[in-house]
Amino acid sequence: MQEVTTYADGVEGIAKKYAPRVFALLRTVRKRLENEGFEVSGLDYMCGDDYRWSLLVQRPGAPEDLNDNIDLSVRLDESLAYDGTEDGINWSLDVVHGSGLIVGGVTPYNYTPKVWVEWRSVPKVEERWLQLANATLDAMLADDIREWFENHPRKGG
């Protein structure tokens, strides 16, 4: 196997390697949310400025409205995009309403000196992935999303 020498190639390799595990995590989250009565659509992967996998959670009992859904995304964060350095990567779970309001989320060690793990370190990348995956599975996402919808009535009925 050819050694990865650039940061961009390394991050892309991490995204490709972990994509099946991100999809598996989101399928588990999707099943849990559906068991709690939510309609969930999509299981999408997007890459452009970042690497992101996402689901859309619809407000229970309401007609489909992209501006009133909750976007639940797992993101591979790059230090280059946030700090302008090639120090490393991190994983994030974002829970955002269609209006752009943040409902919740998890980013291990965010706003600390430990936020980035060395992208070339397979064990450190794996440890950070497990921190995010375990935090996501432990989260009370259905309760948090239901509470958010209850506290933010749908505009227009």
Foldseek 3Di string as FASTA:
>chain_A
DDDDDDLVVLLVVVCVVCVVVQLVLVVVVCVVLVVVPWDKDAFDWDDDPWTKTWIWTAQHPDPDDLQAIKIWMKTWAACCVVPVDRQAIAIKIFIAGSVGHGLDMDTPPPPHPPRGDHSVDPVRRVVRVVVRSVVSVPDPVNVSVNVVCVVPDDPPD
